[in-house]
Amino acid sequence: MTDQLTTPTPAPESPQPPSVRRLPRALSPFRHVAYRRLGSALVLGTFAGGVWVVALVWEVIRIGGGASQLSVVSTAGAVGVLLPALLGGVVADRVPQKLILLAVAGLELTGMAIVALLSWTDQTQVWHLAVVSFATGMGLAFYYPAYSAWLPALVPEEDLMAVNGFEGMVRPTVGQALGPGLAGVVVGAVSTSAALGLAAGFHLAGLLVLATVPLTAVRRERADDETAADAHPIATALSDMREGWVYMVRTPWLLATLLFASIMILAMMGPFEVLIPFLIKDKLGGGPGDHAAVMAAFGIGGAVGSMAMASMRMPRRYLTWMNLMWGVGALPLLVMGFATEVWMVAVAGFFLGAFFSAPMVIWGTLLQRRVPPHLLGRVASLDFFVSVSLMPVSMAMAGPVSEWLGLRTTFAIAAIVPGVAAALAIWLAKLPADELAHPLRDEPEPEPTPEPEPTPVG
């Protein structure tokens, strides 16, 4: 396949032989060659990322660093994500998304390879790791909007739910379980440099597979491009950012959901990420293994919830169900706060993961189907910015609030506030009327047809 700008060609109307079997809904995107390649690249890149996270921690420890040094490296990555978060959407709406993903993959591969070489030659310093972490964080800010904006150009609308469900399954199972698990084995049996090299190797494989996905044209209005041609790049970028903000503010379902998501993240992410280890250690007499089991249960729940949603049709009341699942799905935190055994926390973690990830499948599909194509990158970057900007605030607040109110009260607040916020968002933004006025329920799937080769543009 040549690396040219391509657009899809209408599928032929010739009937299929009776022997062709329809794929399950969750696997339907894999009938498209382009997505099979992108999905394979996603799996390889996510696996590499899972190995990298664990190897990076142990590289800090290997060079004599402690919690403070690890905090410096982690903070550098967080700052790298936040600084260009809004600019990432502007770029995704103007540059072919494949080129953005290739550039990000190249940046990450370079950083991993440099750290692996430094580790192998025993020359690593904390500032090296902080710089690489900052650079890869910046790459992530460009990756998410570009990836989200690219999917509708590669698969038809009826397959977007399944695509988002597959992604929601890959990240917890491959990125949070298999990758870190292998990294721990390699670090213990060989060395941190070997684990870092392994991460770079898998990332290289993912980049090579990504390079085989067809390059598609950016979906923009022609008038926008003609106007931008005469404008200064900085003025154009600021104008694009403003256009994204105005669209968000003037779109009730989008604004209400993002505001609700901000409250949800602020309320629950700190208790979940910061307080659960202390709950397990101080209240339940557990240790690191018990904490790992709870996190594994959360990841498995997320994978199950994502694939279950991917196997279903878009709900008729998609906005209502999405927000209610997120709101009610926080209630397992109440069980965690009052648990008397570690297994109770693990079970609650499973359901928390399932109800957190399942609505994400609807949300990703909703953005890709209702946001105008030329704005999708910017709206995805706003979503990404909301998701990452309040996590540090929530984590910073969790400790002091728990010392002031107690662990159980803090977990109770984290469990109840999202449900109240979800109900208010649904009511104030009149989401039931909006979803009925803009139905997204898919028509019954037609019998599969052969996928035509893309027609080159230009």
Foldseek 3Di string as FASTA:
>chain_A
DDQFAFAFDDFDPDDDDPVFDQDFLLCNLVLFPLVVLLLLLLLLLLLLLLLVVLLLVVLCVVLPHDPVLVVLQQVLLLVLQQPCLLLLLVCLLPPQLLVLQLVLLVLLLVLLVVVLVCVVVVNDDSVSSSVSSSSNSNSVSNNQLNVLLCVCRRDPLSNLLSVLLSSLQSNLPNNVPVSNVVSVVCCVPPRSSVSSVVSSVSSVVSSVSSSPNHGHDRDDDPVLVVVVVPDDPVVNSVVLSVVLVVVQVPQLLNVLVLVLVLQLLLQALQCVPPVLQVCCVVQAVDHPVLVSLLSSLLSQLSSVLSSVLSSDWQDLLLSLVLLQLSQQLLQLLLQSLPPRHSVSSSPSSSSNSNSVNNSSSSVSSCLNPPPPSSSSSSSSSVSVNSNSVSNVVSNVVLVVVCVVPNSNVSSVRSNNVSNVSSVCSCVVSVSSVVSNVPPDGDDPDDRDGNRDDTDGDD
